[in-house]
Amino acid sequence: MSNVQEYVANYTPAEAARVAFAWNGKHAAEFQDTNQEFRLAVAKYCIEHPEQASPELLETLLRADAAWSREAWCSPGQFDKLARVLLIRGGDSVLDAFAECFYSSFDTFGACHHMQLPQHVLVVLLEALQQRIPQCLDPQRKKWLEGSHELLGKLQRGVASQGWATLPPGTQVSNVRVVWPRLYHRIWRRIRSWFGSEAA
């Protein structure tokens, strides 16, 4: 743990490579990310000790998890908690990074609907987005910001998680139909097209 604690305490952008997504280019059983174990430990520590995590480190972790999600076809279990800590610690200065990671994959999109944020944080972020959206000249980023505003509004009203379900690892299921990645990508491509971004 001391290694993780020291990493968090002394983090600089020069240390980002240690938690970056380091994929071997393969999927399914052959999928490997050589930094995954350390990154998960760092993320866990940051979630448990948010006051010790800098917004820069939290953004680096969230971006790495978002990249992981695009290739692993699921999101890390702590994604919503990490996004929560990022928004609390970074405030409106991390809204662009959050919006991009939120729309990184179908799974990160779904995970963020389970975030829990204090009402006072939601008020600040919603006000910041209301000012930022009309000023944004990049159509894709503007759609991401608009979608983030919609999500935060649902979180404020307590309805964001309605219609979304999560299954923890090891959950016993039956009557399951396999959805092949090609179908998954078609569905995600359509969702992203609604918000004016390129297909994953």
Protein backbone atom coordinates (compact mmCIF):
# COMPACT_ATOMS: atom_id res chain seq x y z
CA MET A 1 0.00 0.00 0.00
CA SER A 2 2.86 2.39 0.73
CA ASN A 3 3.83 2.32 -2.95
CA VAL A 4 0.29 3.32 -3.93
CA GLN A 5 0.09 5.94 -1.20
CA GLU A 6 3.40 7.45 -2.24
CA TYR A 7 2.32 7.49 -5.88
CA VAL A 8 -0.87 9.37 -5.02
CA ALA A 9 0.91 11.82 -2.73
CA ASN A 10 3.70 12.61 -5.19
CA TYR A 11 1.80 12.34 -8.48
CA THR A 12 2.87 14.55 -11.36
CA PRO A 13 1.90 14.26 -15.04
CA ALA A 14 5.33 12.71 -15.64
CA GLU A 15 4.12 9.68 -13.65
CA ALA A 16 0.98 9.16 -15.76
CA ALA A 17 2.48 6.25 -17.71
CA ARG A 18 2.34 4.01 -14.62
CA VAL A 19 -1.48 4.07 -14.63
CA ALA A 20 -2.09 4.55 -18.36
CA PHE A 21 -4.06 2.00 -20.37
CA ALA A 22 -1.37 -0.39 -21.63
CA TRP A 23 -3.27 -2.80 -23.85
CA ASN A 24 -1.80 -5.77 -25.73
CA GLY A 25 -4.20 -5.28 -28.65
CA LYS A 26 -6.19 -8.48 -27.99
CA HIS A 27 -9.70 -9.19 -26.73
CA ALA A 28 -11.62 -11.72 -24.63
CA ALA A 29 -9.42 -14.23 -22.75
CA GLU A 30 -6.24 -12.81 -24.34
CA PHE A 31 -6.98 -9.23 -23.28
CA GLN A 32 -4.26 -7.75 -21.09
CA ASP A 33 -3.51 -4.33 -19.69
CA THR A 34 -0.16 -4.42 -17.95
CA ASN A 35 -1.00 -1.40 -15.77
CA GLN A 36 -4.47 -2.54 -14.75
CA GLU A 37 -3.60 -4.01 -11.34
CA PHE A 38 -1.65 -0.96 -10.17
CA ARG A 39 -4.21 1.45 -11.66
CA LEU A 40 -7.05 -0.33 -9.83
CA ALA A 41 -5.12 -0.12 -6.56
CA VAL A 42 -4.46 3.59 -7.08
CA ALA A 43 -8.11 4.24 -8.01
CA LYS A 44 -9.31 2.34 -4.94
CA TYR A 45 -7.02 4.36 -2.70
CA CYS A 46 -8.19 7.63 -4.29
CA ILE A 47 -11.84 6.69 -3.82
CA GLU A 48 -11.22 5.80 -0.17
CA HIS A 49 -9.03 8.88 0.47
CA PRO A 50 -10.37 11.52 -1.93
CA GLU A 51 -8.77 14.41 -0.07
CA GLN A 52 -5.33 13.00 -0.97
CA ALA A 53 -6.00 12.69 -4.71
CA SER A 54 -5.28 15.59 -7.01
CA PRO A 55 -7.78 16.37 -9.78
CA GLU A 56 -4.95 15.79 -12.27
CA LEU A 57 -4.42 12.23 -11.06
CA LEU A 58 -8.16 11.53 -10.93
CA GLU A 59 -8.55 12.74 -14.51
CA THR A 60 -5.64 10.55 -15.62
CA LEU A 61 -7.23 7.52 -13.93
CA LEU A 62 -10.67 8.18 -15.39
CA ARG A 63 -9.28 8.62 -18.91
CA ALA A 64 -7.33 5.36 -18.57
CA ASP A 65 -10.45 3.53 -17.39
CA ALA A 66 -12.45 5.03 -20.24
CA ALA A 67 -9.86 3.76 -22.75
CA TRP A 68 -9.92 0.36 -21.03
CA SER A 69 -13.71 0.27 -21.33
CA ARG A 70 -13.66 0.83 -25.09
CA GLU A 71 -11.57 -2.30 -25.63
CA ALA A 72 -12.75 -4.52 -22.74
CA TRP A 73 -16.46 -4.10 -23.68
CA CYS A 74 -17.38 -3.27 -20.09
CA SER A 75 -16.49 -0.57 -17.59
CA PRO A 76 -14.36 -1.00 -14.46
CA GLY A 77 -16.56 -1.50 -11.42
CA GLN A 78 -15.33 1.68 -9.77
CA PHE A 79 -15.89 3.95 -12.79
CA ASP A 80 -18.88 5.81 -11.33
CA LYS A 81 -17.14 6.26 -7.97
CA LEU A 82 -13.99 7.56 -9.64
CA ALA A 83 -16.03 9.97 -11.77
CA ARG A 84 -17.81 11.12 -8.62
CA VAL A 85 -14.55 11.89 -6.82
CA LEU A 86 -13.20 13.67 -9.91
CA LEU A 87 -16.23 15.96 -10.09
CA ILE A 88 -16.19 16.69 -6.37
CA ARG A 89 -12.44 17.41 -6.28
CA GLY A 90 -12.14 19.14 -9.64
CA GLY A 91 -15.47 20.95 -9.91
CA ASP A 92 -16.20 22.80 -13.12
CA SER A 93 -12.53 22.64 -14.19
CA VAL A 94 -12.88 18.92 -15.03
CA LEU A 95 -16.25 19.04 -16.78
CA ASP A 96 -14.74 18.67 -20.26
CA ALA A 97 -12.70 15.63 -19.20
CA PHE A 98 -15.70 14.09 -17.47
CA ALA A 99 -17.96 14.64 -20.47
CA GLU A 100 -15.47 12.97 -22.80
CA CYS A 101 -15.05 9.95 -20.50
CA PHE A 102 -18.80 9.75 -19.93
CA TYR A 103 -19.28 9.26 -23.68
CA SER A 104 -16.24 7.03 -24.12
CA SER A 105 -18.29 3.83 -24.37
CA PHE A 106 -21.78 2.50 -23.80
CA ASP A 107 -20.58 1.06 -20.49
CA THR A 108 -19.08 4.29 -19.17
CA PHE A 109 -22.28 6.05 -20.25
CA GLY A 110 -24.35 3.56 -18.25
CA ALA A 111 -22.01 3.54 -15.24
CA CYS A 112 -22.24 7.30 -14.80
CA HIS A 113 -26.00 7.00 -14.36
CA HIS A 114 -25.26 5.37 -10.98
CA MET A 115 -23.13 8.24 -9.66
CA GLN A 116 -24.09 9.86 -6.39
CA LEU A 117 -23.13 13.50 -6.00
CA PRO A 118 -23.97 15.99 -3.22
CA GLN A 119 -26.69 18.43 -4.16
CA HIS A 120 -24.47 21.48 -3.69
CA VAL A 121 -21.93 20.01 -6.13
CA LEU A 122 -24.66 19.30 -8.67
CA VAL A 123 -25.92 22.89 -8.43
CA VAL A 124 -22.44 24.29 -9.12
CA LEU A 125 -21.78 21.91 -12.02
CA LEU A 126 -25.18 22.51 -13.63
CA GLU A 127 -24.72 26.27 -13.44
CA ALA A 128 -21.25 25.97 -14.96
CA LEU A 129 -22.59 23.85 -17.83
CA GLN A 130 -25.42 26.28 -18.49
CA GLN A 131 -22.81 29.01 -19.03
CA ARG A 132 -20.34 26.83 -20.93
CA ILE A 133 -22.63 25.09 -23.42
CA PRO A 134 -23.67 28.22 -25.39
CA GLN A 135 -20.00 29.26 -25.64
CA CYS A 136 -18.75 25.90 -26.93
CA LEU A 137 -17.90 26.06 -30.63
CA ASP A 138 -16.94 22.39 -31.08
CA PRO A 139 -20.18 20.56 -32.09
CA GLN A 140 -19.08 17.19 -30.70
CA ARG A 141 -17.90 18.57 -27.38
CA LYS A 142 -21.05 20.67 -27.13
CA LYS A 143 -23.17 17.53 -27.48
CA TRP A 144 -21.10 15.84 -24.77
CA LEU A 145 -21.60 18.83 -22.47
CA GLU A 146 -25.34 18.89 -23.21
CA GLY A 147 -25.56 15.18 -22.42
CA SER A 148 -23.62 15.72 -19.20
CA HIS A 149 -26.02 18.50 -18.25
CA GLU A 150 -28.92 16.13 -18.83
CA LEU A 151 -27.27 13.43 -16.71
CA LEU A 152 -26.51 15.79 -13.82
CA GLY A 153 -30.07 17.07 -13.93
CA LYS A 154 -31.34 13.50 -13.62
CA LEU A 155 -28.94 12.89 -10.74
CA GLN A 156 -30.26 16.02 -9.05
CA ARG A 157 -33.82 14.71 -9.39
CA GLY A 158 -32.83 11.21 -8.28
CA VAL A 159 -33.98 9.50 -11.50
CA ALA A 160 -30.71 8.88 -13.36
CA SER A 161 -30.43 5.17 -12.55
CA GLN A 162 -33.97 4.32 -13.60
CA GLY A 163 -33.87 1.79 -16.43
CA TRP A 164 -30.22 0.91 -15.80
CA ALA A 165 -29.06 -2.29 -14.12
CA THR A 166 -25.64 -3.50 -13.01
CA LEU A 167 -24.49 -7.05 -12.39
CA PRO A 168 -21.56 -7.47 -9.99
CA PRO A 169 -18.96 -10.11 -10.91
CA GLY A 170 -20.12 -13.61 -10.01
CA THR A 171 -23.83 -12.83 -10.28
CA GLN A 172 -25.77 -15.97 -11.22
CA VAL A 173 -28.02 -15.39 -14.23
CA SER A 174 -30.27 -17.51 -16.45
CA ASN A 175 -32.03 -17.11 -19.78
CA VAL A 176 -29.20 -14.93 -21.04
CA ARG A 177 -28.82 -14.19 -24.73
CA VAL A 178 -25.36 -13.41 -26.03
CA VAL A 179 -25.04 -10.03 -27.73
CA TRP A 180 -22.09 -10.15 -30.10
CA PRO A 181 -19.69 -7.20 -30.16
CA ARG A 182 -20.81 -6.27 -33.67
CA LEU A 183 -24.35 -5.68 -32.40
CA TYR A 184 -22.97 -3.90 -29.35
CA HIS A 185 -21.02 -1.53 -31.58
CA ARG A 186 -24.04 -0.86 -33.80
CA ILE A 187 -26.11 0.07 -30.75
CA TRP A 188 -23.34 2.27 -29.35
CA ARG A 189 -22.75 3.89 -32.74
CA ARG A 190 -26.40 4.89 -32.85
CA ILE A 191 -26.30 6.32 -29.32
CA ARG A 192 -23.18 8.32 -30.13
CA SER A 193 -24.71 9.56 -33.37
CA TRP A 194 -27.55 11.07 -31.36
CA PHE A 195 -24.96 13.24 -29.66
CA GLY A 196 -23.05 14.09 -32.82
CA SER A 197 -19.87 12.11 -32.13
CA GLU A 198 -18.02 9.59 -34.22
CA ALA A 199 -18.63 5.87 -33.73
CA ALA A 200 -16.31 4.09 -31.33
